[in-house]
Amino acid sequence: MLYPYITLGDGTEILHTQVFEEDGIEKVEVQFEKPIEEGFKSARCILPTYEWIKLDNCSEEDIKFYTQIVESNAHLFYKYGKIGGIESCLVS
């Protein structure tokens, strides 16, 4: 399941998975999606290795920008990935 994190001003949506364990390491995947004429621009990054997978219609500049976001928000992706997304923190 993907949890919404934030939508950037250009329409790019950032989502993340719940934290999961693989080979004894806690991991989380971060997804970037933006609608474009040809469909979607999308990329997925696996933390903590910062490995980029599932790249569609992304430039090197896109990945550099997305990497900055992932690096500066990694602790939050883990925090919210453990509790069911940022929306679980919102009080009604």
N, C-alpha and C. Protein backbone atom coordinates (compact mmCIF):
# COMPACT_ATOMS: atom_id res chain seq x y z
N MET A 1 0.84 -1.18 0.00
CA MET A 1 0.00 0.00 0.00
C MET A 1 0.88 1.24 0.00
N LEU A 2 0.48 2.24 -0.76
CA LEU A 2 1.19 3.51 -0.79
C LEU A 2 0.41 4.55 0.00
N TYR A 3 1.13 5.27 0.84
CA TYR A 3 0.54 6.35 1.64
C TYR A 3 0.93 7.69 1.03
N PRO A 4 -0.01 8.63 0.92
CA PRO A 4 0.34 9.95 0.41
C PRO A 4 1.22 10.69 1.40
N TYR A 5 2.20 11.42 0.88
CA TYR A 5 3.09 12.22 1.72
C TYR A 5 2.84 13.70 1.46
N ILE A 6 3.04 14.12 0.19
CA ILE A 6 2.87 15.53 -0.16
C ILE A 6 2.72 15.66 -1.67
N THR A 7 2.06 16.73 -2.10
CA THR A 7 1.98 17.06 -3.51
C THR A 7 2.75 18.36 -3.72
N LEU A 8 3.72 18.33 -4.63
CA LEU A 8 4.53 19.51 -4.92
C LEU A 8 3.76 20.49 -5.80
N GLY A 9 4.23 21.70 -5.88
CA GLY A 9 3.58 22.74 -6.66
C GLY A 9 3.43 22.42 -8.13
N ASP A 10 4.30 21.58 -8.67
CA ASP A 10 4.20 21.23 -10.10
C ASP A 10 3.28 20.03 -10.34
N GLY A 11 2.61 19.55 -9.29
CA GLY A 11 1.70 18.43 -9.43
C GLY A 11 2.31 17.07 -9.14
N THR A 12 3.60 17.03 -8.83
CA THR A 12 4.25 15.76 -8.50
C THR A 12 3.75 15.28 -7.14
N GLU A 13 3.27 14.06 -7.10
CA GLU A 13 2.83 13.47 -5.85
C GLU A 13 3.92 12.58 -5.30
N ILE A 14 4.15 12.69 -4.00
CA ILE A 14 5.13 11.84 -3.33
C ILE A 14 4.35 10.93 -2.39
N LEU A 15 4.62 9.64 -2.53
CA LEU A 15 3.96 8.62 -1.72
C LEU A 15 5.04 7.71 -1.15
N HIS A 16 4.67 6.90 -0.16
CA HIS A 16 5.63 5.96 0.41
C HIS A 16 4.91 4.71 0.89
N THR A 17 5.66 3.64 1.02
CA THR A 17 5.12 2.39 1.54
C THR A 17 5.22 2.38 3.06
N GLN A 18 4.66 1.33 3.64
CA GLN A 18 4.91 1.10 5.06
C GLN A 18 6.35 0.59 5.18
N VAL A 19 6.90 0.68 6.36
CA VAL A 19 8.23 0.14 6.60
C VAL A 19 8.11 -1.39 6.58
N PHE A 20 9.06 -2.01 5.90
CA PHE A 20 9.08 -3.47 5.85
C PHE A 20 10.51 -3.94 6.09
N GLU A 21 10.64 -5.17 6.52
CA GLU A 21 11.96 -5.72 6.79
C GLU A 21 12.35 -6.71 5.71
N GLU A 22 13.59 -6.58 5.25
CA GLU A 22 14.12 -7.48 4.24
C GLU A 22 15.58 -7.75 4.59
N ASP A 23 15.93 -9.01 4.77
CA ASP A 23 17.29 -9.41 5.15
C ASP A 23 17.74 -8.71 6.43
N GLY A 24 16.79 -8.53 7.37
CA GLY A 24 17.12 -7.91 8.65
C GLY A 24 17.27 -6.41 8.61
N ILE A 25 16.92 -5.78 7.50
CA ILE A 25 17.06 -4.33 7.34
C ILE A 25 15.69 -3.71 7.14
N GLU A 26 15.39 -2.65 7.90
CA GLU A 26 14.14 -1.92 7.71
C GLU A 26 14.24 -1.08 6.44
N LYS A 27 13.24 -1.22 5.58
CA LYS A 27 13.24 -0.51 4.31
C LYS A 27 11.90 0.21 4.12
N VAL A 28 11.91 1.19 3.26
CA VAL A 28 10.70 1.88 2.83
C VAL A 28 10.93 2.32 1.39
N GLU A 29 9.88 2.30 0.59
CA GLU A 29 9.98 2.74 -0.80
C GLU A 29 9.25 4.07 -0.94
N VAL A 30 9.84 4.97 -1.70
CA VAL A 30 9.27 6.29 -1.94
C VAL A 30 8.97 6.42 -3.43
N GLN A 31 7.74 6.79 -3.74
CA GLN A 31 7.26 6.88 -5.13
C GLN A 31 7.00 8.34 -5.49
N PHE A 32 7.47 8.74 -6.66
CA PHE A 32 7.19 10.07 -7.24
C PHE A 32 6.35 9.85 -8.49
N GLU A 33 5.24 10.59 -8.61
CA GLU A 33 4.37 10.47 -9.77
C GLU A 33 3.92 11.86 -10.21
N LYS A 34 3.97 12.08 -11.52
CA LYS A 34 3.48 13.34 -12.07
C LYS A 34 2.81 13.05 -13.41
N PRO A 35 1.54 13.50 -13.57
CA PRO A 35 0.89 13.29 -14.87
C PRO A 35 1.54 14.18 -15.93
N ILE A 36 1.77 13.59 -17.10
CA ILE A 36 2.30 14.33 -18.25
C ILE A 36 1.49 13.91 -19.47
N GLU A 37 1.70 14.59 -20.58
CA GLU A 37 0.94 14.28 -21.80
C GLU A 37 1.01 12.82 -22.20
N GLU A 38 2.19 12.23 -22.07
CA GLU A 38 2.40 10.85 -22.49
C GLU A 38 1.95 9.82 -21.46
N GLY A 39 1.40 10.26 -20.34
CA GLY A 39 0.98 9.35 -19.28
C GLY A 39 1.44 9.85 -17.92
N PHE A 40 2.51 9.23 -17.41
CA PHE A 40 3.04 9.63 -16.11
C PHE A 40 4.56 9.66 -16.15
N LYS A 41 5.11 10.57 -15.37
CA LYS A 41 6.52 10.57 -15.04
C LYS A 41 6.55 9.94 -13.65
N SER A 42 7.33 8.88 -13.47
CA SER A 42 7.36 8.24 -12.17
C SER A 42 8.72 7.63 -11.88
N ALA A 43 9.00 7.53 -10.59
CA ALA A 43 10.25 6.93 -10.13
C ALA A 43 10.02 6.41 -8.72
N ARG A 44 10.73 5.35 -8.39
CA ARG A 44 10.62 4.78 -7.04
C ARG A 44 12.02 4.56 -6.49
N CYS A 45 12.20 4.96 -5.24
CA CYS A 45 13.49 4.85 -4.55
C CYS A 45 13.33 3.96 -3.32
N ILE A 46 14.29 3.06 -3.13
CA ILE A 46 14.28 2.18 -1.96
C ILE A 46 15.28 2.72 -0.93
N LEU A 47 14.78 2.92 0.27
CA LEU A 47 15.65 3.33 1.38
C LEU A 47 15.93 2.10 2.24
N PRO A 48 17.10 1.96 2.81
CA PRO A 48 18.11 2.96 3.02
C PRO A 48 19.20 3.02 1.94
N THR A 49 19.10 2.23 0.88
CA THR A 49 20.17 2.18 -0.12
C THR A 49 20.10 3.30 -1.16
N TYR A 50 18.97 3.98 -1.24
CA TYR A 50 18.74 5.04 -2.24
C TYR A 50 18.88 4.50 -3.66
N GLU A 51 18.44 3.27 -3.84
CA GLU A 51 18.44 2.66 -5.17
C GLU A 51 17.17 3.08 -5.91
N TRP A 52 17.34 3.59 -7.13
CA TRP A 52 16.21 4.02 -7.94
C TRP A 52 15.75 2.87 -8.83
N ILE A 53 14.45 2.58 -8.78
CA ILE A 53 13.86 1.52 -9.59
C ILE A 53 12.62 2.08 -10.28
N LYS A 54 12.12 1.36 -11.24
CA LYS A 54 10.88 1.73 -11.93
C LYS A 54 10.88 3.18 -12.42
N LEU A 55 11.89 3.55 -13.17
CA LEU A 55 11.98 4.90 -13.73
C LEU A 55 11.22 4.97 -15.04
N ASP A 56 10.26 5.90 -15.13
CA ASP A 56 9.49 6.11 -16.35
C ASP A 56 9.44 7.60 -16.67
N ASN A 57 9.98 7.96 -17.84
CA ASN A 57 9.93 9.34 -18.35
C ASN A 57 10.63 10.35 -17.45
N CYS A 58 11.64 9.93 -16.69
CA CYS A 58 12.37 10.82 -15.80
C CYS A 58 13.74 11.18 -16.37
N SER A 59 14.10 12.43 -16.24
CA SER A 59 15.42 12.89 -16.67
C SER A 59 16.41 12.77 -15.51
N GLU A 60 17.68 12.96 -15.81
CA GLU A 60 18.71 12.96 -14.76
C GLU A 60 18.44 14.08 -13.77
N GLU A 61 17.97 15.22 -14.28
CA GLU A 61 17.65 16.36 -13.41
C GLU A 61 16.51 16.01 -12.46
N ASP A 62 15.49 15.31 -12.97
CA ASP A 62 14.38 14.87 -12.11
C ASP A 62 14.92 14.03 -10.97
N ILE A 63 15.77 13.05 -11.30
CA ILE A 63 16.29 12.14 -10.28
C ILE A 63 17.16 12.88 -9.28
N LYS A 64 17.94 13.85 -9.72
CA LYS A 64 18.74 14.66 -8.79
C LYS A 64 17.83 15.40 -7.81
N PHE A 65 16.77 15.99 -8.34
CA PHE A 65 15.82 16.72 -7.50
C PHE A 65 15.10 15.78 -6.54
N TYR A 66 14.64 14.64 -7.04
CA TYR A 66 13.96 13.67 -6.20
C TYR A 66 14.89 13.14 -5.12
N THR A 67 16.15 12.93 -5.46
CA THR A 67 17.14 12.44 -4.49
C THR A 67 17.29 13.43 -3.34
N GLN A 68 17.32 14.71 -3.65
CA GLN A 68 17.42 15.73 -2.59
C GLN A 68 16.23 15.63 -1.64
N ILE A 69 15.05 15.43 -2.20
CA ILE A 69 13.85 15.31 -1.38
C ILE A 69 13.92 14.07 -0.51
N VAL A 70 14.29 12.94 -1.12
CA VAL A 70 14.36 11.68 -0.37
C VAL A 70 15.39 11.79 0.75
N GLU A 71 16.56 12.34 0.45
CA GLU A 71 17.61 12.46 1.46
C GLU A 71 17.18 13.34 2.64
N SER A 72 16.52 14.45 2.35
CA SER A 72 16.15 15.36 3.43
C SER A 72 14.90 14.93 4.19
N ASN A 73 14.15 13.97 3.64
CA ASN A 73 12.92 13.52 4.29
C ASN A 73 12.95 12.05 4.70
N ALA A 74 14.08 11.39 4.55
CA ALA A 74 14.16 9.94 4.81
C ALA A 74 13.66 9.58 6.20
N HIS A 75 14.04 10.35 7.19
CA HIS A 75 13.60 10.04 8.56
C HIS A 75 12.08 10.12 8.69
N LEU A 76 11.45 11.01 7.92
CA LEU A 76 9.99 11.13 7.98
C LEU A 76 9.31 9.99 7.23
N PHE A 77 9.90 9.53 6.13
CA PHE A 77 9.33 8.38 5.42
C PHE A 77 9.32 7.15 6.34
N TYR A 78 10.39 6.99 7.12
CA TYR A 78 10.44 5.89 8.08
C TYR A 78 9.43 6.10 9.20
N LYS A 79 9.38 7.31 9.73
CA LYS A 79 8.45 7.61 10.83
C LYS A 79 7.01 7.33 10.40
N TYR A 80 6.60 7.92 9.29
CA TYR A 80 5.22 7.76 8.85
C TYR A 80 4.94 6.37 8.28
N GLY A 81 5.98 5.74 7.75
CA GLY A 81 5.83 4.38 7.24
C GLY A 81 5.57 3.36 8.35
N LYS A 82 5.96 3.70 9.57
CA LYS A 82 5.74 2.81 10.71
C LYS A 82 4.34 2.97 11.31
N ILE A 83 3.71 4.11 11.05
CA ILE A 83 2.41 4.37 11.71
C ILE A 83 1.24 4.47 10.75
N GLY A 84 1.45 4.12 9.49
CA GLY A 84 0.33 4.13 8.55
C GLY A 84 0.14 5.44 7.80
N GLY A 85 1.19 6.17 7.59
CA GLY A 85 1.13 7.39 6.80
C GLY A 85 0.93 8.63 7.63
N ILE A 86 1.19 9.77 7.01
CA ILE A 86 1.10 11.06 7.69
C ILE A 86 -0.34 11.37 8.12
N GLU A 87 -1.31 10.85 7.37
CA GLU A 87 -2.71 11.12 7.70
C GLU A 87 -3.10 10.53 9.05
N SER A 88 -2.38 9.51 9.50
CA SER A 88 -2.70 8.92 10.81
C SER A 88 -2.33 9.86 11.95
N CYS A 89 -1.54 10.90 11.65
CA CYS A 89 -1.14 11.87 12.68
C CYS A 89 -2.13 13.03 12.77
N LEU A 90 -2.99 13.18 11.78
CA LEU A 90 -3.92 14.31 11.75
C LEU A 90 -5.06 14.08 12.73
N VAL A 91 -5.35 15.11 13.49
CA VAL A 91 -6.44 15.04 14.46
C VAL A 91 -7.67 15.70 13.83
N SER A 92 -8.81 15.03 13.90
CA SER A 92 -10.02 15.62 13.32
C SER A 92 -10.72 16.53 14.29
